[in-house]
Amino acid sequence: MQIGMIGLGKMGANMVRRLIRKGHSCVVFNRSPQAVNELVKEKAIGATSLSDVVKKLEKPRAIWLMVPGGGRRRHHRRSFTASRDRRHRH
């Protein structure tokens, strides 16, 4: 299974580590590149933006948002929805 993980705080990073240990592929993104780089060293696939996460995931895509509630979560959800809607119009 392949999954995208947005938000690599303590919980998100540890979830990625467990998924990788169980043989899953994880595409990861965080506002802090350092968090991404640390998980790339542990065999995660790093992404540089939200759209890069989408590009690097195979279809059907599964993306987990492990970010605090509020503005950032709404922003990420809208970004993915807009990206999906543009692809489905073609």
C-alpha atoms as a PDB file:
ATOM      1  CA  MET A   1       0.000   0.000   0.000  1.00  0.00           C
ATOM      2  CA  GLN A   2       1.128   3.566  -0.646  1.00  0.00           C
ATOM      3  CA  ILE A   3      -0.011   6.544   1.409  1.00  0.00           C
ATOM      4  CA  GLY A   4       0.760  10.250   1.489  1.00  0.00           C
ATOM      5  CA  MET A   5       1.316  11.800   4.907  1.00  0.00           C
ATOM      6  CA  ILE A   6       1.000  15.549   5.379  1.00  0.00           C
ATOM      7  CA  GLY A   7       2.243  16.734   8.757  1.00  0.00           C
ATOM      8  CA  LEU A   8       5.305  15.119  10.261  1.00  0.00           C
ATOM      9  CA  GLY A   9       5.081  16.118  13.887  1.00  0.00           C
ATOM     10  CA  LYS A  10       5.555  13.499  16.563  1.00  0.00           C
ATOM     11  CA  MET A  11       2.417  11.531  15.667  1.00  0.00           C
ATOM     12  CA  GLY A  12       2.685  11.840  11.881  1.00  0.00           C
ATOM     13  CA  ALA A  13       6.388  10.920  11.775  1.00  0.00           C
ATOM     14  CA  ASN A  14       5.894   7.903  14.039  1.00  0.00           C
ATOM     15  CA  MET A  15       2.965   6.690  11.923  1.00  0.00           C
ATOM     16  CA  VAL A  16       5.172   6.895   8.822  1.00  0.00           C
ATOM     17  CA  ARG A  17       7.931   4.934  10.562  1.00  0.00           C
ATOM     18  CA  ARG A  18       5.503   2.174  11.544  1.00  0.00           C
ATOM     19  CA  LEU A  19       4.014   2.006   8.046  1.00  0.00           C
ATOM     20  CA  ILE A  20       7.471   1.759   6.462  1.00  0.00           C
ATOM     21  CA  ARG A  21       8.499  -0.987   8.929  1.00  0.00           C
ATOM     22  CA  LYS A  22       5.415  -2.941   7.835  1.00  0.00           C
ATOM     23  CA  GLY A  23       6.436  -2.645   4.164  1.00  0.00           C
ATOM     24  CA  HIS A  24       4.246   0.255   3.037  1.00  0.00           C
ATOM     25  CA  SER A  25       5.416   3.129   0.846  1.00  0.00           C
ATOM     26  CA  CYS A  26       4.969   6.652   2.230  1.00  0.00           C
ATOM     27  CA  VAL A  27       5.169   9.975   0.385  1.00  0.00           C
ATOM     28  CA  VAL A  28       5.749  12.650   3.014  1.00  0.00           C
ATOM     29  CA  PHE A  29       5.440  16.451   3.218  1.00  0.00           C
ATOM     30  CA  ASN A  30       5.830  18.970   6.008  1.00  0.00           C
ATOM     31  CA  ARG A  31       6.296  22.734   6.196  1.00  0.00           C
ATOM     32  CA  SER A  32       9.725  22.015   7.667  1.00  0.00           C
ATOM     33  CA  PRO A  33      12.020  20.352   5.086  1.00  0.00           C
ATOM     34  CA  GLN A  34      14.107  18.966   7.954  1.00  0.00           C
ATOM     35  CA  ALA A  35      11.252  16.682   9.031  1.00  0.00           C
ATOM     36  CA  VAL A  36      10.898  15.409   5.448  1.00  0.00           C
ATOM     37  CA  ASN A  37      14.657  14.830   5.120  1.00  0.00           C
ATOM     38  CA  GLU A  38      14.782  12.816   8.339  1.00  0.00           C
ATOM     39  CA  LEU A  39      12.101  10.431   7.076  1.00  0.00           C
ATOM     40  CA  VAL A  40      13.675  10.195   3.616  1.00  0.00           C
ATOM     41  CA  LYS A  41      16.732   8.748   5.422  1.00  0.00           C
ATOM     42  CA  GLU A  42      14.339   6.092   6.747  1.00  0.00           C
ATOM     43  CA  LYS A  43      13.088   5.187   3.226  1.00  0.00           C
ATOM     44  CA  ALA A  44      10.126   7.554   2.899  1.00  0.00           C
ATOM     45  CA  ILE A  45       9.618   9.377  -0.402  1.00  0.00           C
ATOM     46  CA  GLY A  46      10.027  13.106   0.144  1.00  0.00           C
ATOM     47  CA  ALA A  47       7.789  15.729  -1.437  1.00  0.00           C
ATOM     48  CA  THR A  48       8.453  19.455  -1.734  1.00  0.00           C
ATOM     49  CA  SER A  49       4.824  20.649  -1.899  1.00  0.00           C
ATOM     50  CA  LEU A  50       1.233  19.469  -1.675  1.00  0.00           C
ATOM     51  CA  SER A  51       1.053  19.117  -5.447  1.00  0.00           C
ATOM     52  CA  ASP A  52       4.293  17.106  -5.383  1.00  0.00           C
ATOM     53  CA  VAL A  53       2.657  14.648  -2.965  1.00  0.00           C
ATOM     54  CA  VAL A  54      -0.195  14.161  -5.425  1.00  0.00           C
ATOM     55  CA  LYS A  55       2.237  13.693  -8.348  1.00  0.00           C
ATOM     56  CA  LYS A  56       4.288  11.082  -6.496  1.00  0.00           C
ATOM     57  CA  LEU A  57       1.336   8.966  -5.356  1.00  0.00           C
ATOM     58  CA  GLU A  58       0.007   6.185  -7.527  1.00  0.00           C
ATOM     59  CA  LYS A  59      -3.727   6.029  -8.245  1.00  0.00           C
ATOM     60  CA  PRO A  60      -5.927   5.517  -6.354  1.00  0.00           C
ATOM     61  CA  ARG A  61      -4.368   8.034  -3.979  1.00  0.00           C
ATOM     62  CA  ALA A  62      -4.666   7.944  -0.205  1.00  0.00           C
ATOM     63  CA  ILE A  63      -3.553  11.051   1.700  1.00  0.00           C
ATOM     64  CA  TRP A  64      -3.595  11.438   5.468  1.00  0.00           C
ATOM     65  CA  LEU A  65      -3.591  14.957   6.924  1.00  0.00           C
ATOM     66  CA  MET A  66      -1.961  14.889  10.350  1.00  0.00           C
ATOM     67  CA  VAL A  67      -2.107  18.631  10.964  1.00  0.00           C
ATOM     68  CA  PRO A  68      -3.746  20.715  13.684  1.00  0.00           C
ATOM     69  CA  GLY A  69      -7.359  21.701  13.133  1.00  0.00           C
ATOM     70  CA  GLY A  70      -8.297  25.103  11.822  1.00  0.00           C
ATOM     71  CA  GLY A  71      -6.858  27.184   9.040  1.00  0.00           C
ATOM     72  CA  ARG A  72      -4.018  24.959   7.907  1.00  0.00           C
ATOM     73  CA  ARG A  73      -6.195  21.867   7.662  1.00  0.00           C
ATOM     74  CA  ARG A  74      -8.830  23.758   5.656  1.00  0.00           C
ATOM     75  CA  HIS A  75      -6.114  25.135   3.356  1.00  0.00           C
ATOM     76  CA  HIS A  76      -4.654  21.654   2.687  1.00  0.00           C
ATOM     77  CA  ARG A  77      -8.069  20.101   2.127  1.00  0.00           C
ATOM     78  CA  ARG A  78      -9.038  22.859  -0.320  1.00  0.00           C
ATOM     79  CA  SER A  79      -5.717  22.503  -2.159  1.00  0.00           C
ATOM     80  CA  PHE A  80      -6.266  18.784  -2.683  1.00  0.00           C
ATOM     81  CA  THR A  81      -9.899  19.244  -3.662  1.00  0.00           C
ATOM     82  CA  ALA A  82      -9.018  21.924  -6.220  1.00  0.00           C
ATOM     83  CA  SER A  83      -6.245  19.736  -7.637  1.00  0.00           C
ATOM     84  CA  ARG A  84      -8.597  16.753  -7.918  1.00  0.00           C
ATOM     85  CA  ASP A  85     -11.339  18.841  -9.524  1.00  0.00           C
ATOM     86  CA  ARG A  86      -8.963  20.204 -12.184  1.00  0.00           C
ATOM     87  CA  ARG A  87      -7.826  16.685 -13.110  1.00  0.00           C
ATOM     88  CA  HIS A  88     -11.384  15.359 -13.377  1.00  0.00           C
ATOM     89  CA  ARG A  89     -12.499  18.117 -15.762  1.00  0.00           C
ATOM     90  CA  HIS A  90     -10.142  16.967 -18.529  1.00  0.00           C
END
